[in-house]
Full PDB file with SEQRES, HELIX, SHEET, SSBOND, CRYST1, ORIGX, SCALE, CONECT and MASTER records, all heavy atoms in Angstrom:
SEQRES   1 A   34  TYR ARG TYR ARG VAL ASN VAL ILE LEU LEU ASP PHE ALA          
SEQRES   2 A   34  LYS ASP PRO ALA ILE VAL PHE THR THR LEU ILE ASP TRP          
SEQRES   3 A   34  LEU ARG THR ASN GLN PRO GLU LEU                              
HELIX    1 AA1 ALA A   17  ASN A   30  1                                  14    
CRYST1    1.000    1.000    1.000  90.00  90.00  90.00 P 1           1          
ORIGX1      1.000000  0.000000  0.000000        0.00000                         
ORIGX2      0.000000  1.000000  0.000000        0.00000                         
ORIGX3      0.000000  0.000000  1.000000        0.00000                         
SCALE1      1.000000  0.000000  0.000000        0.00000                         
SCALE2      0.000000  1.000000  0.000000        0.00000                         
SCALE3      0.000000  0.000000  1.000000        0.00000                         
ATOM      1  N   TYR A   1     -39.955  51.452 -50.135  1.00  0.00           N  
ATOM      2  CA  TYR A   1     -40.018  50.724 -51.404  1.00  0.00           C  
ATOM      3  C   TYR A   1     -40.992  49.570 -51.215  1.00  0.00           C  
ATOM      4  O   TYR A   1     -40.954  48.876 -50.199  1.00  0.00           O  
ATOM      5  CB  TYR A   1     -38.662  50.087 -51.758  1.00  0.00           C  
ATOM      6  CG  TYR A   1     -37.551  50.999 -52.151  1.00  0.00           C  
ATOM      7  CD1 TYR A   1     -36.422  51.117 -51.359  1.00  0.00           C  
ATOM      8  CD2 TYR A   1     -37.590  51.695 -53.351  1.00  0.00           C  
ATOM      9  CE1 TYR A   1     -35.354  51.916 -51.737  1.00  0.00           C  
ATOM     10  CE2 TYR A   1     -36.523  52.499 -53.736  1.00  0.00           C  
ATOM     11  CZ  TYR A   1     -35.420  52.603 -52.923  1.00  0.00           C  
ATOM     12  OH  TYR A   1     -34.367  53.385 -53.309  1.00  0.00           O  
ATOM     13  N   ARG A   2     -41.806  49.319 -52.204  1.00  0.00           N  
ATOM     14  CA  ARG A   2     -42.662  48.133 -52.236  1.00  0.00           C  
ATOM     15  C   ARG A   2     -42.506  47.529 -53.622  1.00  0.00           C  
ATOM     16  O   ARG A   2     -42.719  48.221 -54.628  1.00  0.00           O  
ATOM     17  CB  ARG A   2     -44.125  48.506 -51.988  1.00  0.00           C  
ATOM     18  CG  ARG A   2     -44.352  49.070 -50.606  1.00  0.00           C  
ATOM     19  CD  ARG A   2     -45.772  49.498 -50.390  1.00  0.00           C  
ATOM     20  NE  ARG A   2     -45.912  50.069 -49.055  1.00  0.00           N  
ATOM     21  CZ  ARG A   2     -46.985  50.725 -48.646  1.00  0.00           C  
ATOM     22  NH1 ARG A   2     -48.008  50.883 -49.462  1.00  0.00           N  
ATOM     23  NH2 ARG A   2     -47.029  51.201 -47.426  1.00  0.00           N  
ATOM     24  N   TYR A   3     -42.132  46.249 -53.667  1.00  0.00           N  
ATOM     25  CA  TYR A   3     -41.846  45.652 -54.965  1.00  0.00           C  
ATOM     26  C   TYR A   3     -41.951  44.143 -54.925  1.00  0.00           C  
ATOM     27  O   TYR A   3     -41.998  43.540 -53.865  1.00  0.00           O  
ATOM     28  CB  TYR A   3     -40.456  46.063 -55.455  1.00  0.00           C  
ATOM     29  CG  TYR A   3     -39.325  45.705 -54.520  1.00  0.00           C  
ATOM     30  CD1 TYR A   3     -38.706  44.452 -54.575  1.00  0.00           C  
ATOM     31  CD2 TYR A   3     -38.866  46.621 -53.577  1.00  0.00           C  
ATOM     32  CE1 TYR A   3     -37.660  44.131 -53.725  1.00  0.00           C  
ATOM     33  CE2 TYR A   3     -37.823  46.297 -52.732  1.00  0.00           C  
ATOM     34  CZ  TYR A   3     -37.229  45.058 -52.802  1.00  0.00           C  
ATOM     35  OH  TYR A   3     -36.197  44.739 -51.955  1.00  0.00           O  
ATOM     36  N   ARG A   4     -41.967  43.581 -56.097  1.00  0.00           N  
ATOM     37  CA  ARG A   4     -41.950  42.134 -56.233  1.00  0.00           C  
ATOM     38  C   ARG A   4     -40.536  41.711 -56.604  1.00  0.00           C  
ATOM     39  O   ARG A   4     -39.937  42.265 -57.516  1.00  0.00           O  
ATOM     40  CB  ARG A   4     -42.928  41.675 -57.317  1.00  0.00           C  
ATOM     41  CG  ARG A   4     -42.963  40.148 -57.460  1.00  0.00           C  
ATOM     42  CD  ARG A   4     -44.080  39.723 -58.347  1.00  0.00           C  
ATOM     43  NE  ARG A   4     -43.669  39.860 -59.736  1.00  0.00           N  
ATOM     44  CZ  ARG A   4     -44.278  39.270 -60.751  1.00  0.00           C  
ATOM     45  NH1 ARG A   4     -45.348  38.530 -60.544  1.00  0.00           N  
ATOM     46  NH2 ARG A   4     -43.846  39.446 -61.972  1.00  0.00           N  
ATOM     47  N   VAL A   5     -40.010  40.743 -55.862  1.00  0.00           N  
ATOM     48  CA  VAL A   5     -38.710  40.177 -56.206  1.00  0.00           C  
ATOM     49  C   VAL A   5     -38.963  38.837 -56.891  1.00  0.00           C  
ATOM     50  O   VAL A   5     -39.874  38.096 -56.531  1.00  0.00           O  
ATOM     51  CB  VAL A   5     -37.784  40.028 -54.979  1.00  0.00           C  
ATOM     52  CG1 VAL A   5     -38.281  38.994 -54.007  1.00  0.00           C  
ATOM     53  CG2 VAL A   5     -36.364  39.717 -55.405  1.00  0.00           C  
ATOM     54  N   ASN A   6     -38.184  38.600 -57.921  1.00  0.00           N  
ATOM     55  CA  ASN A   6     -38.300  37.388 -58.722  1.00  0.00           C  
ATOM     56  C   ASN A   6     -36.984  36.631 -58.646  1.00  0.00           C  
ATOM     57  O   ASN A   6     -35.919  37.231 -58.717  1.00  0.00           O  
ATOM     58  CB  ASN A   6     -38.579  37.741 -60.185  1.00  0.00           C  
ATOM     59  CG  ASN A   6     -39.765  38.660 -60.312  1.00  0.00           C  
ATOM     60  OD1 ASN A   6     -40.887  38.226 -60.299  1.00  0.00           O  
ATOM     61  ND2 ASN A   6     -39.505  39.962 -60.405  1.00  0.00           N  
ATOM     62  N   VAL A   7     -37.085  35.324 -58.541  1.00  0.00           N  
ATOM     63  CA  VAL A   7     -35.905  34.464 -58.487  1.00  0.00           C  
ATOM     64  C   VAL A   7     -36.100  33.346 -59.497  1.00  0.00           C  
ATOM     65  O   VAL A   7     -37.179  32.742 -59.552  1.00  0.00           O  
ATOM     66  CB  VAL A   7     -35.728  33.843 -57.084  1.00  0.00           C  
ATOM     67  CG1 VAL A   7     -34.552  32.885 -57.050  1.00  0.00           C  
ATOM     68  CG2 VAL A   7     -35.586  34.923 -56.025  1.00  0.00           C  
ATOM     69  N   ILE A   8     -35.088  33.097 -60.282  1.00  0.00           N  
ATOM     70  CA  ILE A   8     -35.116  31.934 -61.180  1.00  0.00           C  
ATOM     71  C   ILE A   8     -33.850  31.122 -60.932  1.00  0.00           C  
ATOM     72  O   ILE A   8     -32.748  31.667 -60.922  1.00  0.00           O  
ATOM     73  CB  ILE A   8     -35.204  32.338 -62.667  1.00  0.00           C  
ATOM     74  CG1 ILE A   8     -36.584  32.916 -62.967  1.00  0.00           C  
ATOM     75  CG2 ILE A   8     -34.938  31.132 -63.564  1.00  0.00           C  
ATOM     76  CD1 ILE A   8     -36.826  33.238 -64.411  1.00  0.00           C  
ATOM     77  N   LEU A   9     -34.052  29.831 -60.708  1.00  0.00           N  
ATOM     78  CA  LEU A   9     -32.957  28.865 -60.599  1.00  0.00           C  
ATOM     79  C   LEU A   9     -33.075  27.925 -61.782  1.00  0.00           C  
ATOM     80  O   LEU A   9     -34.122  27.297 -61.971  1.00  0.00           O  
ATOM     81  CB  LEU A   9     -33.076  28.071 -59.296  1.00  0.00           C  
ATOM     82  CG  LEU A   9     -32.754  28.878 -58.059  1.00  0.00           C  
ATOM     83  CD1 LEU A   9     -33.843  28.718 -57.046  1.00  0.00           C  
ATOM     84  CD2 LEU A   9     -31.429  28.418 -57.513  1.00  0.00           C  
ATOM     85  N   LEU A  10     -32.022  27.835 -62.558  1.00  0.00           N  
ATOM     86  CA  LEU A  10     -32.033  26.998 -63.761  1.00  0.00           C  
ATOM     87  C   LEU A  10     -31.286  25.693 -63.522  1.00  0.00           C  
ATOM     88  O   LEU A  10     -30.300  25.654 -62.782  1.00  0.00           O  
ATOM     89  CB  LEU A  10     -31.388  27.753 -64.925  1.00  0.00           C  
ATOM     90  CG  LEU A  10     -32.064  29.065 -65.325  1.00  0.00           C  
ATOM     91  CD1 LEU A  10     -31.242  29.776 -66.387  1.00  0.00           C  
ATOM     92  CD2 LEU A  10     -33.485  28.816 -65.792  1.00  0.00           C  
ATOM     93  N   ASP A  11     -31.785  24.642 -64.160  1.00  0.00           N  
ATOM     94  CA  ASP A  11     -31.143  23.321 -64.103  1.00  0.00           C  
ATOM     95  C   ASP A  11     -30.897  22.871 -62.661  1.00  0.00           C  
ATOM     96  O   ASP A  11     -29.832  22.368 -62.319  1.00  0.00           O  
ATOM     97  CB  ASP A  11     -29.816  23.322 -64.872  1.00  0.00           C  
ATOM     98  CG  ASP A  11     -30.025  23.584 -66.354  1.00  0.00           C  
ATOM     99  OD1 ASP A  11     -31.065  23.170 -66.888  1.00  0.00           O  
ATOM    100  OD2 ASP A  11     -29.141  24.214 -66.968  1.00  0.00           O  
ATOM    101  N   PHE A  12     -31.902  23.014 -61.837  1.00  0.00           N  
ATOM    102  CA  PHE A  12     -31.770  22.663 -60.421  1.00  0.00           C  
ATOM    103  C   PHE A  12     -31.963  21.161 -60.254  1.00  0.00           C  
ATOM    104  O   PHE A  12     -33.013  20.618 -60.599  1.00  0.00           O  
ATOM    105  CB  PHE A  12     -32.789  23.439 -59.582  1.00  0.00           C  
ATOM    106  CG  PHE A  12     -32.540  23.369 -58.120  1.00  0.00           C  
ATOM    107  CD1 PHE A  12     -31.463  24.020 -57.558  1.00  0.00           C  
ATOM    108  CD2 PHE A  12     -33.388  22.643 -57.292  1.00  0.00           C  
ATOM    109  CE1 PHE A  12     -31.214  23.954 -56.199  1.00  0.00           C  
ATOM    110  CE2 PHE A  12     -33.148  22.575 -55.940  1.00  0.00           C  
ATOM    111  CZ  PHE A  12     -32.065  23.228 -55.384  1.00  0.00           C  
ATOM    112  N   ALA A  13     -30.949  20.483 -59.697  1.00  0.00           N  
ATOM    113  CA  ALA A  13     -30.962  19.020 -59.621  1.00  0.00           C  
ATOM    114  C   ALA A  13     -31.087  18.500 -58.190  1.00  0.00           C  
ATOM    115  O   ALA A  13     -30.833  17.337 -57.939  1.00  0.00           O  
ATOM    116  CB  ALA A  13     -29.702  18.459 -60.273  1.00  0.00           C  
ATOM    117  N   LYS A  14     -31.497  19.352 -57.257  1.00  0.00           N  
ATOM    118  CA  LYS A  14     -31.696  18.930 -55.870  1.00  0.00           C  
ATOM    119  C   LYS A  14     -33.182  19.046 -55.538  1.00  0.00           C  
ATOM    120  O   LYS A  14     -33.984  19.474 -56.364  1.00  0.00           O  
ATOM    121  CB  LYS A  14     -30.868  19.790 -54.931  1.00  0.00           C  
ATOM    122  CG  LYS A  14     -29.371  19.628 -55.134  1.00  0.00           C  
ATOM    123  CD  LYS A  14     -28.599  20.485 -54.167  1.00  0.00           C  
ATOM    124  CE  LYS A  14     -27.103  20.311 -54.389  1.00  0.00           C  
ATOM    125  NZ  LYS A  14     -26.319  21.110 -53.452  1.00  0.00           N  
ATOM    126  N   ASP A  15     -33.527  18.709 -54.317  1.00  0.00           N  
ATOM    127  CA  ASP A  15     -34.914  18.821 -53.867  1.00  0.00           C  
ATOM    128  C   ASP A  15     -35.294  20.306 -53.763  1.00  0.00           C  
ATOM    129  O   ASP A  15     -34.611  21.061 -53.056  1.00  0.00           O  
ATOM    130  CB  ASP A  15     -35.062  18.134 -52.512  1.00  0.00           C  
ATOM    131  CG  ASP A  15     -36.508  18.023 -52.053  1.00  0.00           C  
ATOM    132  OD1 ASP A  15     -37.343  18.859 -52.458  1.00  0.00           O  
ATOM    133  OD2 ASP A  15     -36.791  17.097 -51.282  1.00  0.00           O  
ATOM    134  N   PRO A  16     -36.352  20.755 -54.425  1.00  0.00           N  
ATOM    135  CA  PRO A  16     -36.761  22.168 -54.337  1.00  0.00           C  
ATOM    136  C   PRO A  16     -37.057  22.627 -52.909  1.00  0.00           C  
ATOM    137  O   PRO A  16     -37.014  23.818 -52.625  1.00  0.00           O  
ATOM    138  CB  PRO A  16     -38.013  22.229 -55.208  1.00  0.00           C  
ATOM    139  CG  PRO A  16     -37.844  21.115 -56.181  1.00  0.00           C  
ATOM    140  CD  PRO A  16     -37.145  20.030 -55.419  1.00  0.00           C  
ATOM    141  N   ALA A  17     -37.311  21.693 -52.003  1.00  0.00           N  
ATOM    142  CA  ALA A  17     -37.562  22.071 -50.611  1.00  0.00           C  
ATOM    143  C   ALA A  17     -36.373  22.820 -50.021  1.00  0.00           C  
ATOM    144  O   ALA A  17     -36.550  23.668 -49.129  1.00  0.00           O  
ATOM    145  CB  ALA A  17     -37.883  20.839 -49.775  1.00  0.00           C  
ATOM    146  N   ILE A  18     -35.169  22.558 -50.504  1.00  0.00           N  
ATOM    147  CA  ILE A  18     -33.974  23.282 -50.037  1.00  0.00           C  
ATOM    148  C   ILE A  18     -34.136  24.777 -50.332  1.00  0.00           C  
ATOM    149  O   ILE A  18     -33.873  25.628 -49.482  1.00  0.00           O  
ATOM    150  CB  ILE A  18     -32.701  22.739 -50.725  1.00  0.00           C  
ATOM    151  CG1 ILE A  18     -32.462  21.288 -50.328  1.00  0.00           C  
ATOM    152  CG2 ILE A  18     -31.490  23.616 -50.418  1.00  0.00           C  
ATOM    153  CD1 ILE A  18     -31.419  20.585 -51.185  1.00  0.00           C  
ATOM    154  N   VAL A  19     -34.608  25.087 -51.511  1.00  0.00           N  
ATOM    155  CA  VAL A  19     -34.795  26.486 -51.918  1.00  0.00           C  
ATOM    156  C   VAL A  19     -35.904  27.129 -51.098  1.00  0.00           C  
ATOM    157  O   VAL A  19     -35.737  28.236 -50.565  1.00  0.00           O  
ATOM    158  CB  VAL A  19     -35.122  26.570 -53.424  1.00  0.00           C  
ATOM    159  CG1 VAL A  19     -35.452  27.995 -53.834  1.00  0.00           C  
ATOM    160  CG2 VAL A  19     -33.980  26.010 -54.246  1.00  0.00           C  
ATOM    161  N   PHE A  20     -37.021  26.440 -50.961  1.00  0.00           N  
ATOM    162  CA  PHE A  20     -38.160  27.034 -50.270  1.00  0.00           C  
ATOM    163  C   PHE A  20     -37.918  27.156 -48.767  1.00  0.00           C  
ATOM    164  O   PHE A  20     -38.348  28.135 -48.151  1.00  0.00           O  
ATOM    165  CB  PHE A  20     -39.438  26.263 -50.591  1.00  0.00           C  
ATOM    166  CG  PHE A  20     -39.853  26.456 -52.022  1.00  0.00           C  
ATOM    167  CD1 PHE A  20     -39.753  25.422 -52.935  1.00  0.00           C  
ATOM    168  CD2 PHE A  20     -40.304  27.676 -52.477  1.00  0.00           C  
ATOM    169  CE1 PHE A  20     -40.106  25.604 -54.261  1.00  0.00           C  
ATOM    170  CE2 PHE A  20     -40.656  27.878 -53.799  1.00  0.00           C  
ATOM    171  CZ  PHE A  20     -40.562  26.834 -54.700  1.00  0.00           C  
ATOM    172  N   THR A  21     -37.212  26.211 -48.174  1.00  0.00           N  
ATOM    173  CA  THR A  21     -36.859  26.323 -46.754  1.00  0.00           C  
ATOM    174  C   THR A  21     -35.950  27.527 -46.533  1.00  0.00           C  
ATOM    175  O   THR A  21     -36.139  28.295 -45.586  1.00  0.00           O  
ATOM    176  CB  THR A  21     -36.159  25.034 -46.276  1.00  0.00           C  
ATOM    177  OG1 THR A  21     -37.044  23.942 -46.461  1.00  0.00           O  
ATOM    178  CG2 THR A  21     -35.769  25.121 -44.814  1.00  0.00           C  
ATOM    179  N   THR A  22     -34.994  27.713 -47.416  1.00  0.00           N  
ATOM    180  CA  THR A  22     -34.096  28.864 -47.327  1.00  0.00           C  
ATOM    181  C   THR A  22     -34.887  30.159 -47.463  1.00  0.00           C  
ATOM    182  O   THR A  22     -34.669  31.115 -46.705  1.00  0.00           O  
ATOM    183  CB  THR A  22     -33.009  28.774 -48.417  1.00  0.00           C  
ATOM    184  OG1 THR A  22     -32.297  27.545 -48.243  1.00  0.00           O  
ATOM    185  CG2 THR A  22     -32.052  29.952 -48.350  1.00  0.00           C  
ATOM    186  N   LEU A  23     -35.803  30.204 -48.410  1.00  0.00           N  
ATOM    187  CA  LEU A  23     -36.622  31.400 -48.617  1.00  0.00           C  
ATOM    188  C   LEU A  23     -37.475  31.704 -47.390  1.00  0.00           C  
ATOM    189  O   LEU A  23     -37.531  32.849 -46.928  1.00  0.00           O  
ATOM    190  CB  LEU A  23     -37.505  31.242 -49.851  1.00  0.00           C  
ATOM    191  CG  LEU A  23     -38.503  32.369 -50.112  1.00  0.00           C  
ATOM    192  CD1 LEU A  23     -37.796  33.697 -50.335  1.00  0.00           C  
ATOM    193  CD2 LEU A  23     -39.379  32.019 -51.297  1.00  0.00           C  
ATOM    194  N   ILE A  24     -38.137  30.700 -46.836  1.00  0.00           N  
ATOM    195  CA  ILE A  24     -38.993  30.911 -45.666  1.00  0.00           C  
ATOM    196  C   ILE A  24     -38.146  31.390 -44.475  1.00  0.00           C  
ATOM    197  O   ILE A  24     -38.549  32.311 -43.760  1.00  0.00           O  
ATOM    198  CB  ILE A  24     -39.783  29.631 -45.322  1.00  0.00           C  
ATOM    199  CG1 ILE A  24     -40.740  29.267 -46.450  1.00  0.00           C  
ATOM    200  CG2 ILE A  24     -40.520  29.785 -43.998  1.00  0.00           C  
ATOM    201  CD1 ILE A  24     -41.758  30.319 -46.810  1.00  0.00           C  
ATOM    202  N   ASP A  25     -36.994  30.785 -44.265  1.00  0.00           N  
ATOM    203  CA  ASP A  25     -36.118  31.237 -43.185  1.00  0.00           C  
ATOM    204  C   ASP A  25     -35.695  32.685 -43.402  1.00  0.00           C  
ATOM    205  O   ASP A  25     -35.653  33.486 -42.463  1.00  0.00           O  
ATOM    206  CB  ASP A  25     -34.877  30.347 -43.085  1.00  0.00           C  
ATOM    207  CG  ASP A  25     -35.167  28.991 -42.471  1.00  0.00           C  
ATOM    208  OD1 ASP A  25     -36.251  28.815 -41.869  1.00  0.00           O  
ATOM    209  OD2 ASP A  25     -34.317  28.089 -42.603  1.00  0.00           O  
ATOM    210  N   TRP A  26     -35.398  33.031 -44.656  1.00  0.00           N  
ATOM    211  CA  TRP A  26     -35.011  34.403 -44.972  1.00  0.00           C  
ATOM    212  C   TRP A  26     -36.176  35.360 -44.702  1.00  0.00           C  
ATOM    213  O   TRP A  26     -35.995  36.442 -44.131  1.00  0.00           O  
ATOM    214  CB  TRP A  26     -34.537  34.481 -46.422  1.00  0.00           C  
ATOM    215  CG  TRP A  26     -34.037  35.832 -46.811  1.00  0.00           C  
ATOM    216  CD1 TRP A  26     -32.768  36.313 -46.661  1.00  0.00           C  
ATOM    217  CD2 TRP A  26     -34.800  36.882 -47.402  1.00  0.00           C  
ATOM    218  NE1 TRP A  26     -32.703  37.602 -47.134  1.00  0.00           N  
ATOM    219  CE2 TRP A  26     -33.933  37.971 -47.589  1.00  0.00           C  
ATOM    220  CE3 TRP A  26     -36.125  36.998 -47.784  1.00  0.00           C  
ATOM    221  CZ2 TRP A  26     -34.367  39.174 -48.151  1.00  0.00           C  
ATOM    222  CZ3 TRP A  26     -36.558  38.206 -48.349  1.00  0.00           C  
ATOM    223  CH2 TRP A  26     -35.671  39.268 -48.515  1.00  0.00           C  
ATOM    224  N   LEU A  27     -37.390  34.969 -45.089  1.00  0.00           N  
ATOM    225  CA  LEU A  27     -38.569  35.811 -44.857  1.00  0.00           C  
ATOM    226  C   LEU A  27     -38.830  36.018 -43.368  1.00  0.00           C  
ATOM    227  O   LEU A  27     -39.278  37.094 -42.962  1.00  0.00           O  
ATOM    228  CB  LEU A  27     -39.812  35.208 -45.522  1.00  0.00           C  
ATOM    229  CG  LEU A  27     -39.879  35.306 -47.040  1.00  0.00           C  
ATOM    230  CD1 LEU A  27     -41.051  34.492 -47.575  1.00  0.00           C  
ATOM    231  CD2 LEU A  27     -39.970  36.751 -47.499  1.00  0.00           C  
ATOM    232  N   ARG A  28     -38.576  35.011 -42.549  1.00  0.00           N  
ATOM    233  CA  ARG A  28     -38.789  35.144 -41.098  1.00  0.00           C  
ATOM    234  C   ARG A  28     -38.020  36.336 -40.532  1.00  0.00           C  
ATOM    235  O   ARG A  28     -38.485  36.994 -39.619  1.00  0.00           O  
ATOM    236  CB  ARG A  28     -38.339  33.875 -40.375  1.00  0.00           C  
ATOM    237  CG  ARG A  28     -39.313  32.766 -40.428  1.00  0.00           C  
ATOM    238  CD  ARG A  28     -38.892  31.593 -39.521  1.00  0.00           C  
ATOM    239  NE  ARG A  28     -39.886  30.557 -39.613  1.00  0.00           N  
ATOM    240  CZ  ARG A  28     -39.746  29.445 -40.339  1.00  0.00           C  
ATOM    241  NH1 ARG A  28     -38.626  29.232 -41.009  1.00  0.00           N  
ATOM    242  NH2 ARG A  28     -40.706  28.561 -40.390  1.00  0.00           N  
ATOM    243  N   THR A  29     -36.852  36.596 -41.072  1.00  0.00           N  
ATOM    244  CA  THR A  29     -36.021  37.703 -40.599  1.00  0.00           C  
ATOM    245  C   THR A  29     -36.279  38.991 -41.372  1.00  0.00           C  
ATOM    246  O   THR A  29     -36.334  40.073 -40.798  1.00  0.00           O  
ATOM    247  CB  THR A  29     -34.523  37.338 -40.736  1.00  0.00           C  
ATOM    248  OG1 THR A  29     -34.280  36.171 -39.973  1.00  0.00           O  
ATOM    249  CG2 THR A  29     -33.629  38.468 -40.272  1.00  0.00           C  
ATOM    250  N   ASN A  30     -36.460  38.892 -42.683  1.00  0.00           N  
ATOM    251  CA  ASN A  30     -36.473  40.067 -43.550  1.00  0.00           C  
ATOM    252  C   ASN A  30     -37.849  40.573 -43.956  1.00  0.00           C  
ATOM    253  O   ASN A  30     -37.959  41.708 -44.437  1.00  0.00           O  
ATOM    254  CB  ASN A  30     -35.643  39.769 -44.803  1.00  0.00           C  
ATOM    255  CG  ASN A  30     -34.195  39.574 -44.463  1.00  0.00           C  
ATOM    256  OD1 ASN A  30     -33.476  40.534 -44.253  1.00  0.00           O  
ATOM    257  ND2 ASN A  30     -33.760  38.329 -44.362  1.00  0.00           N  
ATOM    258  N   GLN A  31     -38.882  39.775 -43.811  1.00  0.00           N  
ATOM    259  CA  GLN A  31     -40.236  40.205 -44.148  1.00  0.00           C  
ATOM    260  C   GLN A  31     -41.229  39.389 -43.308  1.00  0.00           C  
ATOM    261  O   GLN A  31     -42.116  38.730 -43.830  1.00  0.00           O  
ATOM    262  CB  GLN A  31     -40.493  39.991 -45.646  1.00  0.00           C  
ATOM    263  CG  GLN A  31     -41.552  40.877 -46.239  1.00  0.00           C  
ATOM    264  CD  GLN A  31     -41.104  42.321 -46.384  1.00  0.00           C  
ATOM    265  OE1 GLN A  31     -40.034  42.619 -46.855  1.00  0.00           O  
ATOM    266  NE2 GLN A  31     -41.962  43.231 -45.976  1.00  0.00           N  
ATOM    267  N   PRO A  32     -41.079  39.420 -41.976  1.00  0.00           N  
ATOM    268  CA  PRO A  32     -41.843  38.513 -41.114  1.00  0.00           C  
ATOM    269  C   PRO A  32     -43.351  38.668 -41.191  1.00  0.00           C  
ATOM    270  O   PRO A  32     -44.082  37.692 -41.002  1.00  0.00           O  
ATOM    271  CB  PRO A  32     -41.317  38.821 -39.711  1.00  0.00           C  
ATOM    272  CG  PRO A  32     -40.732  40.190 -39.804  1.00  0.00           C  
ATOM    273  CD  PRO A  32     -40.217  40.306 -41.203  1.00  0.00           C  
ATOM    274  N   GLU A  33     -43.831  39.852 -41.497  1.00  0.00           N  
ATOM    275  CA  GLU A  33     -45.287  40.039 -41.525  1.00  0.00           C  
ATOM    276  C   GLU A  33     -45.963  39.186 -42.596  1.00  0.00           C  
ATOM    277  O   GLU A  33     -47.139  38.859 -42.485  1.00  0.00           O  
ATOM    278  CB  GLU A  33     -45.654  41.515 -41.682  1.00  0.00           C  
ATOM    279  CG  GLU A  33     -45.411  42.113 -43.049  1.00  0.00           C  
ATOM    280  CD  GLU A  33     -43.975  42.531 -43.297  1.00  0.00           C  
ATOM    281  OE1 GLU A  33     -43.102  42.315 -42.452  1.00  0.00           O  
ATOM    282  OE2 GLU A  33     -43.736  43.099 -44.374  1.00  0.00           O  
ATOM    283  N   LEU A  34     -45.233  38.814 -43.642  1.00  0.00           N  
ATOM    284  CA  LEU A  34     -45.815  37.931 -44.663  1.00  0.00           C  
ATOM    285  C   LEU A  34     -46.206  36.581 -44.083  1.00  0.00           C  
ATOM    286  O   LEU A  34     -47.139  35.942 -44.553  1.00  0.00           O  
ATOM    287  CB  LEU A  34     -44.839  37.707 -45.815  1.00  0.00           C  
ATOM    288  CG  LEU A  34     -44.596  38.850 -46.776  1.00  0.00           C  
ATOM    289  CD1 LEU A  34     -43.594  38.434 -47.843  1.00  0.00           C  
ATOM    290  CD2 LEU A  34     -45.875  39.338 -47.396  1.00  0.00           C  
TER     291      LEU A  34                                                      
MASTER        0    0    0    1    0    0    0    6  290    1    0    3          
END                                                                             
């Protein structure tokens, strides 16, 4: 499978770096070649 995943967070009241750090950590394990 090759696809684009989309994520939307609504009314987010914290630092967006929390979301992006989590995403990057997730990519390190699940899609490291990116």
